[in-house]
């Protein structure tokens, strides 16, 4: 029996759209201010709407790894412009989502 989907799925769509946008922007080679704002808003939506309950630990681990690898990989792979662009865009997308989910966990712990 399939599980019922909780929520509207807006967070899942925001995550998918953000990753697709990150790859397209990366292939283009640069992240301007407008695109960065869009990625940050998508990251906030992902953090607010997509991650609940038991998913938080897995999400925080995966997003932390993405942030670290994107930051370090972007520095190492500077000469491959399109790959650095993809990693930078993923970094801009994942940082707000990670911060929001981490704050939700801290507040949940503080309420206990």
C-alpha atoms as a PDB file:
ATOM      1  CA  UNK A   1       0.000   0.000   0.000  1.00  0.00           C
ATOM      2  CA  UNK A   2       1.536   3.354  -0.984  1.00  0.00           C
ATOM      3  CA  UNK A   3       2.240   5.913   1.688  1.00  0.00           C
ATOM      4  CA  UNK A   4       0.139   9.045   1.747  1.00  0.00           C
ATOM      5  CA  UNK A   5       2.042  12.126   0.720  1.00  0.00           C
ATOM      6  CA  UNK A   6       2.087  14.761   3.433  1.00  0.00           C
ATOM      7  CA  UNK A   7       1.981  18.424   2.614  1.00  0.00           C
ATOM      8  CA  UNK A   8       1.560  20.073  -0.721  1.00  0.00           C
ATOM      9  CA  UNK A   9       4.808  18.907  -2.274  1.00  0.00           C
ATOM     10  CA  UNK A  10       5.892  22.512  -2.773  1.00  0.00           C
ATOM     11  CA  UNK A  11       9.170  21.841  -0.968  1.00  0.00           C
ATOM     12  CA  UNK A  12       9.941  18.868  -3.220  1.00  0.00           C
ATOM     13  CA  UNK A  13       9.240  20.928  -6.318  1.00  0.00           C
ATOM     14  CA  UNK A  14      11.375  23.774  -4.962  1.00  0.00           C
ATOM     15  CA  UNK A  15      14.261  21.356  -4.409  1.00  0.00           C
ATOM     16  CA  UNK A  16      13.965  19.852  -7.887  1.00  0.00           C
ATOM     17  CA  UNK A  17      13.606  23.267  -9.527  1.00  0.00           C
ATOM     18  CA  UNK A  18      16.570  24.573  -7.546  1.00  0.00           C
ATOM     19  CA  UNK A  19      18.844  21.715  -8.602  1.00  0.00           C
ATOM     20  CA  UNK A  20      17.818  22.026 -12.258  1.00  0.00           C
ATOM     21  CA  UNK A  21      18.334  25.780 -12.082  1.00  0.00           C
ATOM     22  CA  UNK A  22      21.732  25.263 -10.424  1.00  0.00           C
ATOM     23  CA  UNK A  23      22.900  22.997 -13.241  1.00  0.00           C
ATOM     24  CA  UNK A  24      21.624  25.342 -15.956  1.00  0.00           C
ATOM     25  CA  UNK A  25      23.221  28.354 -14.281  1.00  0.00           C
ATOM     26  CA  UNK A  26      26.447  26.426 -13.805  1.00  0.00           C
ATOM     27  CA  UNK A  27      26.592  25.562 -17.477  1.00  0.00           C
ATOM     28  CA  UNK A  28      26.064  29.239 -18.218  1.00  0.00           C
ATOM     29  CA  UNK A  29      29.103  29.956 -16.059  1.00  0.00           C
ATOM     30  CA  UNK A  30      28.121  32.683 -13.625  1.00  0.00           C
ATOM     31  CA  UNK A  31      25.638  33.435 -10.862  1.00  0.00           C
ATOM     32  CA  UNK A  32      24.388  37.013 -10.903  1.00  0.00           C
ATOM     33  CA  UNK A  33      22.541  38.785  -8.090  1.00  0.00           C
ATOM     34  CA  UNK A  34      19.017  38.035  -9.355  1.00  0.00           C
ATOM     35  CA  UNK A  35      19.698  34.329  -9.826  1.00  0.00           C
ATOM     36  CA  UNK A  36      21.344  34.150  -6.394  1.00  0.00           C
ATOM     37  CA  UNK A  37      18.238  35.681  -4.795  1.00  0.00           C
ATOM     38  CA  UNK A  38      16.019  33.139  -6.589  1.00  0.00           C
ATOM     39  CA  UNK A  39      18.229  30.276  -5.377  1.00  0.00           C
ATOM     40  CA  UNK A  40      18.185  31.613  -1.807  1.00  0.00           C
ATOM     41  CA  UNK A  41      14.369  31.863  -1.840  1.00  0.00           C
ATOM     42  CA  UNK A  42      14.134  28.298  -3.200  1.00  0.00           C
ATOM     43  CA  UNK A  43      16.541  27.169  -0.469  1.00  0.00           C
ATOM     44  CA  UNK A  44      14.363  28.808   2.175  1.00  0.00           C
ATOM     45  CA  UNK A  45      11.280  27.075   0.745  1.00  0.00           C
ATOM     46  CA  UNK A  46      13.098  23.752   0.790  1.00  0.00           C
ATOM     47  CA  UNK A  47      14.071  24.201   4.433  1.00  0.00           C
ATOM     48  CA  UNK A  48      10.650  25.392   5.540  1.00  0.00           C
ATOM     49  CA  UNK A  49       8.416  23.024   3.585  1.00  0.00           C
ATOM     50  CA  UNK A  50      10.335  19.927   2.620  1.00  0.00           C
ATOM     51  CA  UNK A  51      11.970  18.550   5.750  1.00  0.00           C
ATOM     52  CA  UNK A  52       9.981  17.193   8.688  1.00  0.00           C
ATOM     53  CA  UNK A  53      10.440  14.841  11.633  1.00  0.00           C
ATOM     54  CA  UNK A  54      12.758  11.922  11.070  1.00  0.00           C
ATOM     55  CA  UNK A  55      14.096  13.372   7.808  1.00  0.00           C
ATOM     56  CA  UNK A  56      15.957  16.171   9.573  1.00  0.00           C
ATOM     57  CA  UNK A  57      19.040  14.173  10.537  1.00  0.00           C
ATOM     58  CA  UNK A  58      19.464  12.737   7.055  1.00  0.00           C
ATOM     59  CA  UNK A  59      18.806  16.102   5.444  1.00  0.00           C
ATOM     60  CA  UNK A  60      21.284  17.924   7.685  1.00  0.00           C
ATOM     61  CA  UNK A  61      23.973  15.342   7.032  1.00  0.00           C
ATOM     62  CA  UNK A  62      23.440  15.361   3.266  1.00  0.00           C
ATOM     63  CA  UNK A  63      23.117  19.125   2.982  1.00  0.00           C
ATOM     64  CA  UNK A  64      26.192  19.703   5.140  1.00  0.00           C
ATOM     65  CA  UNK A  65      28.177  17.399   2.873  1.00  0.00           C
ATOM     66  CA  UNK A  66      26.826  19.234  -0.187  1.00  0.00           C
ATOM     67  CA  UNK A  67      27.802  22.593   1.291  1.00  0.00           C
ATOM     68  CA  UNK A  68      31.324  21.438   2.196  1.00  0.00           C
ATOM     69  CA  UNK A  69      31.970  19.650  -1.098  1.00  0.00           C
ATOM     70  CA  UNK A  70      30.523  22.511  -3.145  1.00  0.00           C
ATOM     71  CA  UNK A  71      32.635  25.077  -1.309  1.00  0.00           C
ATOM     72  CA  UNK A  72      35.868  23.103  -1.458  1.00  0.00           C
ATOM     73  CA  UNK A  73      35.214  21.717  -4.930  1.00  0.00           C
ATOM     74  CA  UNK A  74      34.488  25.169  -6.309  1.00  0.00           C
ATOM     75  CA  UNK A  75      37.838  26.355  -4.997  1.00  0.00           C
ATOM     76  CA  UNK A  76      39.772  23.416  -6.412  1.00  0.00           C
ATOM     77  CA  UNK A  77      37.992  23.346  -9.766  1.00  0.00           C
ATOM     78  CA  UNK A  78      38.273  27.063 -10.555  1.00  0.00           C
ATOM     79  CA  UNK A  79      39.642  26.383 -14.014  1.00  0.00           C
ATOM     80  CA  UNK A  80      36.585  24.392 -15.088  1.00  0.00           C
ATOM     81  CA  UNK A  81      34.197  27.344 -15.232  1.00  0.00           C
ATOM     82  CA  UNK A  82      30.966  25.426 -15.842  1.00  0.00           C
ATOM     83  CA  UNK A  83      31.626  22.944 -13.016  1.00  0.00           C
ATOM     84  CA  UNK A  84      32.572  25.723 -10.600  1.00  0.00           C
ATOM     85  CA  UNK A  85      29.358  27.519 -11.578  1.00  0.00           C
ATOM     86  CA  UNK A  86      27.255  24.430 -10.826  1.00  0.00           C
ATOM     87  CA  UNK A  87      28.936  23.963  -7.441  1.00  0.00           C
ATOM     88  CA  UNK A  88      28.509  27.646  -6.572  1.00  0.00           C
ATOM     89  CA  UNK A  89      24.814  27.524  -7.467  1.00  0.00           C
ATOM     90  CA  UNK A  90      24.305  24.362  -5.394  1.00  0.00           C
ATOM     91  CA  UNK A  91      26.068  26.098  -2.520  1.00  0.00           C
ATOM     92  CA  UNK A  92      23.757  29.117  -2.754  1.00  0.00           C
ATOM     93  CA  UNK A  93      20.728  26.799  -2.827  1.00  0.00           C
ATOM     94  CA  UNK A  94      21.766  24.508   0.047  1.00  0.00           C
ATOM     95  CA  UNK A  95      23.047  27.029   2.598  1.00  0.00           C
ATOM     96  CA  UNK A  96      19.650  28.623   3.400  1.00  0.00           C
ATOM     97  CA  UNK A  97      17.900  25.240   3.467  1.00  0.00           C
ATOM     98  CA  UNK A  98      20.520  23.851   5.854  1.00  0.00           C
ATOM     99  CA  UNK A  99      20.311  26.881   8.141  1.00  0.00           C
ATOM    100  CA  UNK A 100      16.506  26.726   8.319  1.00  0.00           C
ATOM    101  CA  UNK A 101      16.429  22.993   9.102  1.00  0.00           C
ATOM    102  CA  UNK A 102      19.213  23.342  11.679  1.00  0.00           C
ATOM    103  CA  UNK A 103      17.319  26.172  13.391  1.00  0.00           C
ATOM    104  CA  UNK A 104      14.142  24.065  13.417  1.00  0.00           C
ATOM    105  CA  UNK A 105      16.083  21.264  15.140  1.00  0.00           C
ATOM    106  CA  UNK A 106      17.602  23.648  17.697  1.00  0.00           C
ATOM    107  CA  UNK A 107      14.186  25.089  18.538  1.00  0.00           C
ATOM    108  CA  UNK A 108      12.690  21.578  18.800  1.00  0.00           C
ATOM    109  CA  UNK A 109      15.452  20.591  21.219  1.00  0.00           C
ATOM    110  CA  UNK A 110      14.959  23.791  23.232  1.00  0.00           C
ATOM    111  CA  UNK A 111      11.205  23.094  23.593  1.00  0.00           C
ATOM    112  CA  UNK A 112      11.835  19.759  25.326  1.00  0.00           C
END
